[in-house]
Amino acid sequence: MKKTLLAMLLASAFTLSAQSQTKGTNAIGLGIGTITTKQESTNSGSTWNSKGNGTSVNVNYGYFLKDNIRLGLVAAYSNSKSTSQFNGIESKSNTDGWAGGISLGRYYPVVRKLYATVNGGPIYNYSKSEQSRINNYALSAWGGLSYFVNKRFLFETTLVSADASYTSQKVNDNSSGSQGTTKTKSFGASTSGQITNLNFRINFLF
């Protein structure tokens, strides 16, 4: 995690770290994040762009199956607001999202109590706005940094992620003055960095 924490003696740091993520350790965590999006496209003379920002909150539980290997459960809620323009016509949207999943992660020592982490697992996302309802099923992988403050507290952040997903989307269409819906289904893959989408978590170990 990108945190500035007071360094301790090297020997004691390794000792405390080893005690923190040994087999049989439980972890309960709470995280917060920021969401920033920016998209733009031009097609056949038509221009569309969108900007958005929001926040997310997640809770997680983990159990260390072996030293440095953790099985986890995670649930999250997010809210984001976006503004889009299509050929000069502006519209605004408010989106709520819920997610849940299972992950398997491994911790790799870097220096002292700082660890690099690699996680992966299936994730389900559901989001809704005034215009749409979206179901997303993904097989995701993500990596970041973890800092074991002591044998009771762990700070983590996610830096990069990648996923392969299936999405089912239902869009309300009121452009003609009468209500209607459009349904689409798609498969996709994506990668992302978290420089603008920061995600921090604090875990209590016991």
N, C-alpha and C. Protein backbone atom coordinates (compact mmCIF):
# COMPACT_ATOMS: atom_id res chain seq x y z
N MET A 1 0.83 -1.18 0.00
CA MET A 1 0.00 0.00 0.00
C MET A 1 0.87 1.24 0.00
N LYS A 2 0.41 2.27 -0.74
CA LYS A 2 1.16 3.51 -0.79
C LYS A 2 0.88 4.29 0.49
N LYS A 3 1.44 3.87 1.61
CA LYS A 3 1.33 4.53 2.90
C LYS A 3 2.73 4.83 3.39
N THR A 4 2.87 5.95 4.12
CA THR A 4 4.15 6.28 4.72
C THR A 4 4.07 5.87 6.17
N LEU A 5 4.77 4.83 6.53
CA LEU A 5 4.73 4.29 7.88
C LEU A 5 6.14 4.25 8.45
N LEU A 6 6.24 4.39 9.78
CA LEU A 6 7.53 4.40 10.46
C LEU A 6 8.18 3.02 10.36
N ALA A 7 9.43 2.98 9.86
CA ALA A 7 10.14 1.70 9.72
C ALA A 7 10.65 1.24 11.07
N MET A 8 10.74 -0.08 11.23
CA MET A 8 11.26 -0.69 12.46
C MET A 8 12.52 -1.47 12.14
N LEU A 9 13.13 -2.05 13.16
CA LEU A 9 14.33 -2.85 12.95
C LEU A 9 14.02 -4.02 12.05
N LEU A 10 14.93 -4.35 11.17
CA LEU A 10 14.71 -5.38 10.17
C LEU A 10 14.36 -6.72 10.79
N ALA A 11 15.04 -7.12 11.80
CA ALA A 11 14.80 -8.43 12.41
C ALA A 11 13.41 -8.52 13.00
N SER A 12 13.00 -7.50 13.76
CA SER A 12 11.68 -7.53 14.39
C SER A 12 10.59 -7.40 13.34
N ALA A 13 10.86 -6.68 12.24
CA ALA A 13 9.86 -6.53 11.18
C ALA A 13 9.52 -7.88 10.57
N PHE A 14 10.56 -8.66 10.23
CA PHE A 14 10.31 -9.97 9.65
C PHE A 14 9.60 -10.89 10.64
N THR A 15 9.92 -10.76 11.91
CA THR A 15 9.28 -11.59 12.93
C THR A 15 7.80 -11.29 13.03
N LEU A 16 7.45 -10.02 13.11
CA LEU A 16 6.04 -9.64 13.22
C LEU A 16 5.28 -10.00 11.96
N SER A 17 5.90 -9.81 10.79
CA SER A 17 5.24 -10.14 9.54
C SER A 17 4.93 -11.62 9.46
N ALA A 18 5.88 -12.44 9.85
CA ALA A 18 5.67 -13.88 9.80
C ALA A 18 4.52 -14.29 10.70
N GLN A 19 4.39 -13.63 11.87
CA GLN A 19 3.31 -13.94 12.79
C GLN A 19 1.96 -13.48 12.25
N SER A 20 1.96 -12.52 11.34
CA SER A 20 0.72 -11.90 10.90
C SER A 20 -0.03 -12.70 9.86
N GLN A 21 0.67 -13.44 9.01
CA GLN A 21 -0.01 -14.12 7.92
C GLN A 21 0.29 -15.62 7.91
N THR A 22 0.38 -16.21 9.09
CA THR A 22 0.61 -17.64 9.18
C THR A 22 -0.70 -18.40 9.03
N LYS A 23 -0.58 -19.69 8.76
CA LYS A 23 -1.73 -20.56 8.59
C LYS A 23 -2.67 -20.47 9.79
N GLY A 24 -3.97 -20.35 9.50
CA GLY A 24 -4.97 -20.27 10.56
C GLY A 24 -5.36 -18.86 10.96
N THR A 25 -4.67 -17.82 10.45
CA THR A 25 -5.00 -16.44 10.77
C THR A 25 -6.27 -16.00 10.04
N ASN A 26 -7.15 -15.25 10.73
CA ASN A 26 -8.35 -14.66 10.14
C ASN A 26 -8.12 -13.18 9.91
N ALA A 27 -8.81 -12.63 8.92
CA ALA A 27 -8.70 -11.20 8.62
C ALA A 27 -10.08 -10.64 8.28
N ILE A 28 -10.45 -9.54 8.91
CA ILE A 28 -11.68 -8.81 8.58
C ILE A 28 -11.28 -7.41 8.16
N GLY A 29 -11.76 -6.97 6.99
CA GLY A 29 -11.30 -5.70 6.47
C GLY A 29 -12.41 -4.78 5.98
N LEU A 30 -12.09 -3.50 5.95
CA LEU A 30 -12.98 -2.47 5.42
C LEU A 30 -12.17 -1.60 4.48
N GLY A 31 -12.72 -1.32 3.29
CA GLY A 31 -12.00 -0.53 2.31
C GLY A 31 -12.84 0.58 1.72
N ILE A 32 -12.18 1.61 1.23
CA ILE A 32 -12.84 2.70 0.51
C ILE A 32 -12.06 2.94 -0.78
N GLY A 33 -12.75 3.46 -1.79
CA GLY A 33 -12.09 3.70 -3.06
C GLY A 33 -12.69 4.88 -3.79
N THR A 34 -11.98 5.35 -4.80
CA THR A 34 -12.48 6.40 -5.68
C THR A 34 -12.60 5.85 -7.10
N ILE A 35 -13.55 6.37 -7.83
CA ILE A 35 -13.81 5.95 -9.21
C ILE A 35 -13.75 7.18 -10.11
N THR A 36 -12.91 7.14 -11.12
CA THR A 36 -12.81 8.23 -12.09
C THR A 36 -12.82 7.64 -13.49
N THR A 37 -13.74 8.12 -14.33
CA THR A 37 -13.85 7.61 -15.70
C THR A 37 -13.87 8.77 -16.69
N LYS A 38 -13.34 8.49 -17.89
CA LYS A 38 -13.37 9.47 -18.98
C LYS A 38 -13.36 8.71 -20.29
N GLN A 39 -14.37 8.94 -21.12
CA GLN A 39 -14.50 8.25 -22.40
C GLN A 39 -14.86 9.24 -23.50
N GLU A 40 -14.41 8.95 -24.71
CA GLU A 40 -14.72 9.82 -25.85
C GLU A 40 -14.67 9.01 -27.14
N SER A 41 -15.61 9.27 -28.03
CA SER A 41 -15.61 8.57 -29.31
C SER A 41 -16.22 9.46 -30.39
N THR A 42 -15.78 9.23 -31.63
CA THR A 42 -16.32 9.94 -32.79
C THR A 42 -16.62 8.94 -33.87
N ASN A 43 -17.83 9.00 -34.42
CA ASN A 43 -18.25 8.04 -35.44
C ASN A 43 -19.17 8.72 -36.44
N SER A 44 -18.77 8.72 -37.70
CA SER A 44 -19.59 9.30 -38.79
C SER A 44 -20.02 10.73 -38.49
N GLY A 45 -19.10 11.51 -37.95
CA GLY A 45 -19.38 12.91 -37.69
C GLY A 45 -20.04 13.19 -36.37
N SER A 46 -20.44 12.15 -35.63
CA SER A 46 -21.07 12.32 -34.32
C SER A 46 -20.02 12.16 -33.22
N THR A 47 -20.10 13.01 -32.22
CA THR A 47 -19.14 12.99 -31.13
C THR A 47 -19.84 12.70 -29.81
N TRP A 48 -19.26 11.77 -29.06
CA TRP A 48 -19.80 11.43 -27.74
C TRP A 48 -18.67 11.41 -26.72
N ASN A 49 -18.89 12.01 -25.57
CA ASN A 49 -17.90 11.94 -24.50
C ASN A 49 -18.60 11.87 -23.15
N SER A 50 -17.90 11.31 -22.20
CA SER A 50 -18.47 11.12 -20.86
C SER A 50 -17.40 11.24 -19.80
N LYS A 51 -17.74 11.89 -18.69
CA LYS A 51 -16.85 12.00 -17.54
C LYS A 51 -17.63 11.65 -16.29
N GLY A 52 -16.97 10.94 -15.38
CA GLY A 52 -17.67 10.54 -14.16
C GLY A 52 -16.72 10.38 -12.99
N ASN A 53 -17.28 10.40 -11.79
CA ASN A 53 -16.51 10.13 -10.58
C ASN A 53 -17.44 9.60 -9.51
N GLY A 54 -16.87 8.88 -8.54
CA GLY A 54 -17.69 8.30 -7.50
C GLY A 54 -16.84 7.70 -6.40
N THR A 55 -17.50 6.99 -5.49
CA THR A 55 -16.83 6.35 -4.37
C THR A 55 -17.33 4.92 -4.22
N SER A 56 -16.53 4.10 -3.57
CA SER A 56 -16.92 2.72 -3.30
C SER A 56 -16.52 2.33 -1.88
N VAL A 57 -17.28 1.39 -1.31
CA VAL A 57 -17.00 0.85 0.02
C VAL A 57 -17.04 -0.66 -0.08
N ASN A 58 -16.08 -1.35 0.53
CA ASN A 58 -16.09 -2.80 0.49
C ASN A 58 -15.74 -3.39 1.85
N VAL A 59 -16.29 -4.56 2.12
CA VAL A 59 -15.95 -5.32 3.31
C VAL A 59 -15.45 -6.69 2.87
N ASN A 60 -14.52 -7.26 3.61
CA ASN A 60 -13.98 -8.55 3.22
C ASN A 60 -13.61 -9.39 4.43
N TYR A 61 -13.63 -10.70 4.20
CA TYR A 61 -13.16 -11.65 5.21
C TYR A 61 -12.15 -12.57 4.56
N GLY A 62 -11.07 -12.86 5.27
CA GLY A 62 -10.06 -13.74 4.72
C GLY A 62 -9.57 -14.76 5.74
N TYR A 63 -9.13 -15.89 5.23
CA TYR A 63 -8.59 -16.94 6.09
C TYR A 63 -7.32 -17.47 5.43
N PHE A 64 -6.23 -17.51 6.18
CA PHE A 64 -4.96 -17.98 5.64
C PHE A 64 -4.91 -19.51 5.66
N LEU A 65 -5.06 -20.11 4.48
CA LEU A 65 -5.02 -21.56 4.35
C LEU A 65 -3.63 -22.09 4.65
N LYS A 66 -2.62 -21.34 4.21
CA LYS A 66 -1.22 -21.65 4.46
C LYS A 66 -0.51 -20.33 4.73
N ASP A 67 0.75 -20.40 5.13
CA ASP A 67 1.51 -19.17 5.29
C ASP A 67 1.52 -18.40 3.97
N ASN A 68 1.11 -17.12 4.02
CA ASN A 68 1.12 -16.21 2.87
C ASN A 68 0.10 -16.54 1.78
N ILE A 69 -0.83 -17.44 2.04
CA ILE A 69 -1.90 -17.76 1.08
C ILE A 69 -3.25 -17.57 1.75
N ARG A 70 -4.06 -16.65 1.20
CA ARG A 70 -5.33 -16.29 1.84
C ARG A 70 -6.53 -16.52 0.91
N LEU A 71 -7.54 -17.18 1.45
CA LEU A 71 -8.83 -17.34 0.77
C LEU A 71 -9.76 -16.26 1.29
N GLY A 72 -10.43 -15.53 0.39
CA GLY A 72 -11.22 -14.40 0.83
C GLY A 72 -12.61 -14.31 0.23
N LEU A 73 -13.49 -13.62 0.93
CA LEU A 73 -14.82 -13.25 0.48
C LEU A 73 -14.92 -11.73 0.52
N VAL A 74 -15.55 -11.15 -0.51
CA VAL A 74 -15.63 -9.69 -0.56
C VAL A 74 -17.01 -9.26 -1.04
N ALA A 75 -17.51 -8.16 -0.48
CA ALA A 75 -18.76 -7.54 -0.92
C ALA A 75 -18.53 -6.03 -1.00
N ALA A 76 -19.13 -5.38 -2.00
CA ALA A 76 -18.86 -3.96 -2.21
C ALA A 76 -20.09 -3.23 -2.69
N TYR A 77 -20.13 -1.92 -2.39
CA TYR A 77 -21.16 -1.01 -2.90
C TYR A 77 -20.47 0.22 -3.46
N SER A 78 -20.98 0.73 -4.57
CA SER A 78 -20.41 1.93 -5.17
C SER A 78 -21.51 2.86 -5.67
N ASN A 79 -21.19 4.14 -5.72
CA ASN A 79 -22.09 5.15 -6.29
C ASN A 79 -21.26 6.10 -7.14
N SER A 80 -21.70 6.33 -8.36
CA SER A 80 -20.97 7.23 -9.26
C SER A 80 -21.93 8.13 -10.02
N LYS A 81 -21.46 9.31 -10.33
CA LYS A 81 -22.22 10.29 -11.10
C LYS A 81 -21.42 10.63 -12.36
N SER A 82 -22.12 10.70 -13.48
CA SER A 82 -21.43 11.00 -14.74
C SER A 82 -22.22 12.01 -15.56
N THR A 83 -21.49 12.73 -16.40
CA THR A 83 -22.08 13.68 -17.33
C THR A 83 -21.60 13.33 -18.73
N SER A 84 -22.51 13.19 -19.66
CA SER A 84 -22.14 12.84 -21.04
C SER A 84 -22.73 13.84 -22.02
N GLN A 85 -22.07 13.97 -23.16
CA GLN A 85 -22.53 14.86 -24.22
C GLN A 85 -22.53 14.11 -25.54
N PHE A 86 -23.62 14.25 -26.27
CA PHE A 86 -23.72 13.65 -27.60
C PHE A 86 -24.15 14.74 -28.57
N ASN A 87 -23.22 15.12 -29.45
CA ASN A 87 -23.46 16.21 -30.40
C ASN A 87 -23.97 17.47 -29.71
N GLY A 88 -23.35 17.78 -28.56
CA GLY A 88 -23.68 19.01 -27.86
C GLY A 88 -24.83 18.91 -26.89
N ILE A 89 -25.54 17.80 -26.87
CA ILE A 89 -26.66 17.61 -25.94
C ILE A 89 -26.15 16.89 -24.69
N GLU A 90 -26.34 17.52 -23.53
CA GLU A 90 -25.79 16.99 -22.28
C GLU A 90 -26.82 16.20 -21.50
N SER A 91 -26.37 15.12 -20.88
CA SER A 91 -27.24 14.33 -20.00
C SER A 91 -26.43 13.87 -18.79
N LYS A 92 -27.13 13.67 -17.67
CA LYS A 92 -26.47 13.26 -16.44
C LYS A 92 -27.05 11.94 -15.95
N SER A 93 -26.20 11.18 -15.25
CA SER A 93 -26.62 9.86 -14.79
C SER A 93 -26.05 9.58 -13.40
N ASN A 94 -26.84 8.89 -12.58
CA ASN A 94 -26.41 8.45 -11.26
C ASN A 94 -26.50 6.93 -11.22
N THR A 95 -25.40 6.26 -10.88
CA THR A 95 -25.36 4.79 -10.94
C THR A 95 -25.00 4.20 -9.58
N ASP A 96 -25.77 3.21 -9.15
CA ASP A 96 -25.47 2.45 -7.94
C ASP A 96 -25.01 1.06 -8.36
N GLY A 97 -24.02 0.54 -7.66
CA GLY A 97 -23.49 -0.78 -8.00
C GLY A 97 -23.24 -1.64 -6.78
N TRP A 98 -23.43 -2.95 -6.95
CA TRP A 98 -23.17 -3.93 -5.89
C TRP A 98 -22.31 -5.04 -6.47
N ALA A 99 -21.41 -5.58 -5.67
CA ALA A 99 -20.53 -6.64 -6.16
C ALA A 99 -20.22 -7.63 -5.04
N GLY A 100 -19.93 -8.86 -5.43
CA GLY A 100 -19.53 -9.88 -4.48
C GLY A 100 -18.66 -10.90 -5.17
N GLY A 101 -17.77 -11.54 -4.41
CA GLY A 101 -16.91 -12.51 -5.04
C GLY A 101 -16.05 -13.30 -4.07
N ILE A 102 -15.31 -14.23 -4.62
CA ILE A 102 -14.37 -15.08 -3.88
C ILE A 102 -12.99 -14.86 -4.47
N SER A 103 -11.98 -14.83 -3.63
CA SER A 103 -10.62 -14.62 -4.14
C SER A 103 -9.63 -15.54 -3.44
N LEU A 104 -8.55 -15.82 -4.15
CA LEU A 104 -7.42 -16.55 -3.59
C LEU A 104 -6.19 -15.69 -3.83
N GLY A 105 -5.49 -15.36 -2.75
CA GLY A 105 -4.36 -14.44 -2.88
C GLY A 105 -3.08 -14.98 -2.28
N ARG A 106 -1.95 -14.49 -2.80
CA ARG A 106 -0.64 -14.88 -2.29
C ARG A 106 0.18 -13.63 -2.00
N TYR A 107 0.91 -13.66 -0.90
CA TYR A 107 1.75 -12.55 -0.46
C TYR A 107 3.22 -12.88 -0.71
N TYR A 108 3.93 -11.95 -1.38
CA TYR A 108 5.35 -12.13 -1.68
C TYR A 108 6.14 -11.04 -0.94
N PRO A 109 7.07 -11.41 -0.06
CA PRO A 109 7.83 -10.41 0.68
C PRO A 109 8.69 -9.55 -0.23
N VAL A 110 8.68 -8.24 0.02
CA VAL A 110 9.48 -7.29 -0.75
C VAL A 110 10.62 -6.77 0.12
N VAL A 111 10.28 -6.06 1.19
CA VAL A 111 11.27 -5.56 2.13
C VAL A 111 10.57 -5.30 3.46
N ARG A 112 11.21 -5.74 4.52
CA ARG A 112 10.66 -5.56 5.85
C ARG A 112 9.23 -6.07 5.91
N LYS A 113 8.27 -5.20 6.22
CA LYS A 113 6.88 -5.65 6.34
C LYS A 113 6.04 -5.34 5.11
N LEU A 114 6.69 -4.96 4.04
CA LEU A 114 6.01 -4.66 2.78
C LEU A 114 5.97 -5.90 1.90
N TYR A 115 4.76 -6.22 1.40
CA TYR A 115 4.55 -7.40 0.57
C TYR A 115 3.87 -7.01 -0.73
N ALA A 116 4.23 -7.70 -1.80
CA ALA A 116 3.48 -7.61 -3.06
C ALA A 116 2.41 -8.71 -3.02
N THR A 117 1.21 -8.40 -3.51
CA THR A 117 0.11 -9.36 -3.46
C THR A 117 -0.45 -9.61 -4.86
N VAL A 118 -0.83 -10.85 -5.09
CA VAL A 118 -1.48 -11.25 -6.33
C VAL A 118 -2.75 -12.01 -5.96
N ASN A 119 -3.89 -11.59 -6.51
CA ASN A 119 -5.18 -12.20 -6.19
C ASN A 119 -5.94 -12.55 -7.47
N GLY A 120 -6.85 -13.50 -7.35
CA GLY A 120 -7.70 -13.85 -8.48
C GLY A 120 -8.94 -14.57 -8.02
N GLY A 121 -10.00 -14.50 -8.85
CA GLY A 121 -11.22 -15.21 -8.51
C GLY A 121 -12.42 -14.70 -9.28
N PRO A 122 -13.58 -15.36 -9.14
CA PRO A 122 -14.80 -14.94 -9.81
C PRO A 122 -15.47 -13.77 -9.06
N ILE A 123 -15.97 -12.79 -9.82
CA ILE A 123 -16.62 -11.62 -9.26
C ILE A 123 -17.94 -11.37 -10.00
N TYR A 124 -19.00 -11.09 -9.25
CA TYR A 124 -20.29 -10.71 -9.85
C TYR A 124 -20.58 -9.25 -9.54
N ASN A 125 -20.97 -8.48 -10.56
CA ASN A 125 -21.32 -7.07 -10.39
C ASN A 125 -22.72 -6.80 -10.93
N TYR A 126 -23.49 -6.03 -10.18
CA TYR A 126 -24.81 -5.57 -10.64
C TYR A 126 -24.86 -4.06 -10.46
N SER A 127 -25.26 -3.34 -11.49
CA SER A 127 -25.37 -1.89 -11.40
C SER A 127 -26.66 -1.42 -12.05
N LYS A 128 -27.18 -0.31 -11.55
CA LYS A 128 -28.40 0.25 -12.11
C LYS A 128 -28.34 1.77 -12.09
N SER A 129 -28.95 2.36 -13.12
CA SER A 129 -29.11 3.80 -13.22
C SER A 129 -30.50 4.07 -13.76
N GLU A 130 -30.79 5.34 -14.02
CA GLU A 130 -32.10 5.68 -14.58
C GLU A 130 -32.30 5.05 -15.96
N GLN A 131 -31.20 4.81 -16.68
CA GLN A 131 -31.29 4.33 -18.05
C GLN A 131 -31.04 2.84 -18.22
N SER A 132 -30.37 2.19 -17.28
CA SER A 132 -29.94 0.83 -17.56
C SER A 132 -29.85 -0.05 -16.32
N ARG A 133 -29.82 -1.35 -16.58
CA ARG A 133 -29.56 -2.39 -15.58
C ARG A 133 -28.49 -3.30 -16.17
N ILE A 134 -27.41 -3.55 -15.43
CA ILE A 134 -26.29 -4.32 -15.96
C ILE A 134 -25.89 -5.44 -15.01
N ASN A 135 -25.80 -6.65 -15.53
CA ASN A 135 -25.25 -7.79 -14.81
C ASN A 135 -23.91 -8.16 -15.44
N ASN A 136 -22.90 -8.29 -14.62
CA ASN A 136 -21.56 -8.59 -15.14
C ASN A 136 -20.95 -9.74 -14.34
N TYR A 137 -20.49 -10.76 -15.06
CA TYR A 137 -19.84 -11.92 -14.44
C TYR A 137 -18.40 -11.94 -14.93
N ALA A 138 -17.45 -11.90 -14.02
CA ALA A 138 -16.05 -11.75 -14.43
C ALA A 138 -15.15 -12.73 -13.69
N LEU A 139 -14.12 -13.15 -14.39
CA LEU A 139 -13.01 -13.86 -13.78
C LEU A 139 -11.86 -12.86 -13.74
N SER A 140 -11.51 -12.43 -12.54
CA SER A 140 -10.62 -11.29 -12.40
C SER A 140 -9.31 -11.67 -11.72
N ALA A 141 -8.28 -10.87 -12.01
CA ALA A 141 -6.99 -10.96 -11.33
C ALA A 141 -6.54 -9.54 -11.01
N TRP A 142 -5.96 -9.35 -9.84
CA TRP A 142 -5.51 -8.01 -9.47
C TRP A 142 -4.29 -8.12 -8.55
N GLY A 143 -3.51 -7.07 -8.57
CA GLY A 143 -2.29 -7.06 -7.77
C GLY A 143 -2.08 -5.73 -7.09
N GLY A 144 -1.29 -5.75 -6.03
CA GLY A 144 -1.04 -4.52 -5.30
C GLY A 144 0.02 -4.70 -4.24
N LEU A 145 -0.04 -3.84 -3.21
CA LEU A 145 0.92 -3.87 -2.12
C LEU A 145 0.21 -4.02 -0.79
N SER A 146 0.85 -4.70 0.15
CA SER A 146 0.32 -4.89 1.50
C SER A 146 1.40 -4.53 2.51
N TYR A 147 0.97 -3.90 3.61
CA TYR A 147 1.90 -3.52 4.67
C TYR A 147 1.38 -4.02 6.01
N PHE A 148 2.12 -4.94 6.62
CA PHE A 148 1.73 -5.48 7.91
C PHE A 148 2.27 -4.56 9.01
N VAL A 149 1.39 -3.69 9.53
CA VAL A 149 1.81 -2.73 10.56
C VAL A 149 2.32 -3.48 11.78
N ASN A 150 1.57 -4.47 12.23
CA ASN A 150 1.97 -5.36 13.31
C ASN A 150 1.15 -6.64 13.15
N LYS A 151 1.11 -7.47 14.16
CA LYS A 151 0.42 -8.74 14.01
C LYS A 151 -1.10 -8.61 14.08
N ARG A 152 -1.62 -7.39 14.25
CA ARG A 152 -3.07 -7.17 14.31
C ARG A 152 -3.63 -6.36 13.15
N PHE A 153 -2.80 -5.55 12.49
CA PHE A 153 -3.31 -4.66 11.46
C PHE A 153 -2.52 -4.79 10.15
N LEU A 154 -3.28 -4.78 9.05
CA LEU A 154 -2.73 -4.91 7.70
C LEU A 154 -3.36 -3.86 6.80
N PHE A 155 -2.54 -3.06 6.11
CA PHE A 155 -3.00 -2.10 5.12
C PHE A 155 -2.74 -2.66 3.73
N GLU A 156 -3.71 -2.46 2.81
CA GLU A 156 -3.57 -2.97 1.45
C GLU A 156 -4.08 -1.95 0.43
N THR A 157 -3.53 -2.02 -0.78
CA THR A 157 -4.05 -1.25 -1.90
C THR A 157 -3.94 -2.07 -3.18
N THR A 158 -4.84 -1.81 -4.12
CA THR A 158 -4.81 -2.46 -5.43
C THR A 158 -4.23 -1.48 -6.45
N LEU A 159 -3.28 -1.96 -7.26
CA LEU A 159 -2.62 -1.10 -8.23
C LEU A 159 -2.99 -1.43 -9.68
N VAL A 160 -3.13 -2.70 -10.00
CA VAL A 160 -3.46 -3.11 -11.37
C VAL A 160 -4.49 -4.24 -11.34
N SER A 161 -5.25 -4.38 -12.42
CA SER A 161 -6.23 -5.45 -12.49
C SER A 161 -6.49 -5.84 -13.95
N ALA A 162 -7.00 -7.04 -14.13
CA ALA A 162 -7.36 -7.54 -15.45
C ALA A 162 -8.51 -8.52 -15.29
N ASP A 163 -9.38 -8.60 -16.29
CA ASP A 163 -10.50 -9.54 -16.18
C ASP A 163 -11.02 -9.94 -17.55
N ALA A 164 -11.68 -11.09 -17.56
CA ALA A 164 -12.46 -11.55 -18.70
C ALA A 164 -13.89 -11.67 -18.21
N SER A 165 -14.85 -11.10 -18.95
CA SER A 165 -16.19 -10.99 -18.39
C SER A 165 -17.29 -11.23 -19.42
N TYR A 166 -18.47 -11.54 -18.88
CA TYR A 166 -19.70 -11.65 -19.66
C TYR A 166 -20.68 -10.62 -19.09
N THR A 167 -21.27 -9.82 -19.95
CA THR A 167 -22.16 -8.74 -19.51
C THR A 167 -23.52 -8.85 -20.17
N SER A 168 -24.56 -8.71 -19.36
CA SER A 168 -25.94 -8.64 -19.83
C SER A 168 -26.49 -7.27 -19.45
N GLN A 169 -26.96 -6.51 -20.45
CA GLN A 169 -27.38 -5.13 -20.21
C GLN A 169 -28.77 -4.88 -20.74
N LYS A 170 -29.56 -4.16 -19.96
CA LYS A 170 -30.91 -3.77 -20.34
C LYS A 170 -31.00 -2.25 -20.28
N VAL A 171 -31.27 -1.61 -21.42
CA VAL A 171 -31.27 -0.16 -21.51
C VAL A 171 -32.66 0.35 -21.83
N ASN A 172 -33.11 1.34 -21.05
CA ASN A 172 -34.38 2.00 -21.32
C ASN A 172 -34.21 3.00 -22.44
N ASP A 173 -35.11 2.98 -23.42
CA ASP A 173 -35.03 3.87 -24.58
C ASP A 173 -36.30 4.71 -24.64
N ASN A 174 -36.14 6.01 -24.32
CA ASN A 174 -37.26 6.94 -24.36
C ASN A 174 -37.09 8.00 -25.43
N SER A 175 -36.19 7.75 -26.36
CA SER A 175 -35.86 8.79 -27.34
C SER A 175 -37.02 9.12 -28.26
N SER A 176 -37.91 8.16 -28.50
CA SER A 176 -39.01 8.40 -29.43
C SER A 176 -40.28 8.90 -28.74
N GLY A 177 -40.19 9.13 -27.41
CA GLY A 177 -41.36 9.60 -26.68
C GLY A 177 -42.16 8.47 -26.06
N SER A 178 -41.90 7.25 -26.44
CA SER A 178 -42.57 6.10 -25.84
C SER A 178 -41.52 5.22 -25.18
N GLN A 179 -41.91 4.58 -24.11
CA GLN A 179 -40.96 3.78 -23.37
C GLN A 179 -40.68 2.45 -24.07
N GLY A 180 -39.42 2.04 -24.03
CA GLY A 180 -39.03 0.76 -24.61
C GLY A 180 -37.72 0.32 -23.99
N THR A 181 -37.31 -0.90 -24.26
CA THR A 181 -36.07 -1.41 -23.71
C THR A 181 -35.25 -2.09 -24.80
N THR A 182 -33.94 -2.03 -24.63
CA THR A 182 -33.01 -2.72 -25.51
C THR A 182 -32.14 -3.63 -24.66
N LYS A 183 -32.05 -4.89 -25.03
CA LYS A 183 -31.24 -5.85 -24.29
C LYS A 183 -30.03 -6.26 -25.10
N THR A 184 -28.86 -6.26 -24.48
CA THR A 184 -27.63 -6.68 -25.15
C THR A 184 -26.84 -7.63 -24.25
N LYS A 185 -26.07 -8.51 -24.88
CA LYS A 185 -25.18 -9.42 -24.17
C LYS A 185 -23.83 -9.40 -24.85
N SER A 186 -22.77 -9.45 -24.06
CA SER A 186 -21.44 -9.37 -24.67
C SER A 186 -20.40 -10.04 -23.79
N PHE A 187 -19.30 -10.45 -24.46
CA PHE A 187 -18.12 -10.95 -23.76
C PHE A 187 -17.01 -9.93 -23.94
N GLY A 188 -16.14 -9.82 -22.95
CA GLY A 188 -15.07 -8.85 -23.10
C GLY A 188 -13.90 -9.15 -22.18
N ALA A 189 -12.81 -8.42 -22.39
CA ALA A 189 -11.62 -8.51 -21.54
C ALA A 189 -11.08 -7.11 -21.36
N SER A 190 -10.48 -6.85 -20.20
CA SER A 190 -9.97 -5.51 -19.95
C SER A 190 -8.82 -5.56 -18.96
N THR A 191 -8.01 -4.52 -19.00
CA THR A 191 -6.95 -4.31 -18.02
C THR A 191 -7.05 -2.87 -17.55
N SER A 192 -6.58 -2.61 -16.33
CA SER A 192 -6.63 -1.23 -15.83
C SER A 192 -5.58 -1.02 -14.76
N GLY A 193 -5.15 0.24 -14.64
CA GLY A 193 -4.30 0.67 -13.54
C GLY A 193 -5.13 1.49 -12.58
N GLN A 194 -4.68 1.59 -11.34
CA GLN A 194 -5.49 2.23 -10.32
C GLN A 194 -4.96 3.60 -9.91
N ILE A 195 -4.22 4.25 -10.79
CA ILE A 195 -3.69 5.57 -10.42
C ILE A 195 -4.83 6.55 -10.17
N THR A 196 -5.90 6.46 -10.98
CA THR A 196 -7.05 7.35 -10.77
C THR A 196 -8.18 6.65 -10.02
N ASN A 197 -8.13 5.32 -9.91
CA ASN A 197 -9.14 4.57 -9.17
C ASN A 197 -8.49 3.95 -7.94
N LEU A 198 -8.21 4.79 -6.94
CA LEU A 198 -7.50 4.33 -5.76
C LEU A 198 -8.40 3.49 -4.87
N ASN A 199 -7.83 2.45 -4.27
CA ASN A 199 -8.59 1.55 -3.42
C ASN A 199 -7.71 1.16 -2.25
N PHE A 200 -8.11 1.58 -1.04
CA PHE A 200 -7.36 1.28 0.16
C PHE A 200 -8.20 0.44 1.11
N ARG A 201 -7.53 -0.49 1.82
CA ARG A 201 -8.24 -1.34 2.78
C ARG A 201 -7.41 -1.47 4.04
N ILE A 202 -8.10 -1.54 5.18
CA ILE A 202 -7.45 -1.84 6.44
C ILE A 202 -8.06 -3.13 6.97
N ASN A 203 -7.21 -4.07 7.41
CA ASN A 203 -7.65 -5.37 7.89
C ASN A 203 -7.24 -5.55 9.35
N PHE A 204 -8.15 -6.18 10.12
CA PHE A 204 -7.85 -6.58 11.48
C PHE A 204 -7.58 -8.07 11.48
N LEU A 205 -6.43 -8.47 12.01
CA LEU A 205 -6.01 -9.89 12.00
C LEU A 205 -6.19 -10.50 13.38
N PHE A 206 -6.68 -11.74 13.39
CA PHE A 206 -6.86 -12.42 14.68
C PHE A 206 -6.77 -13.93 14.50
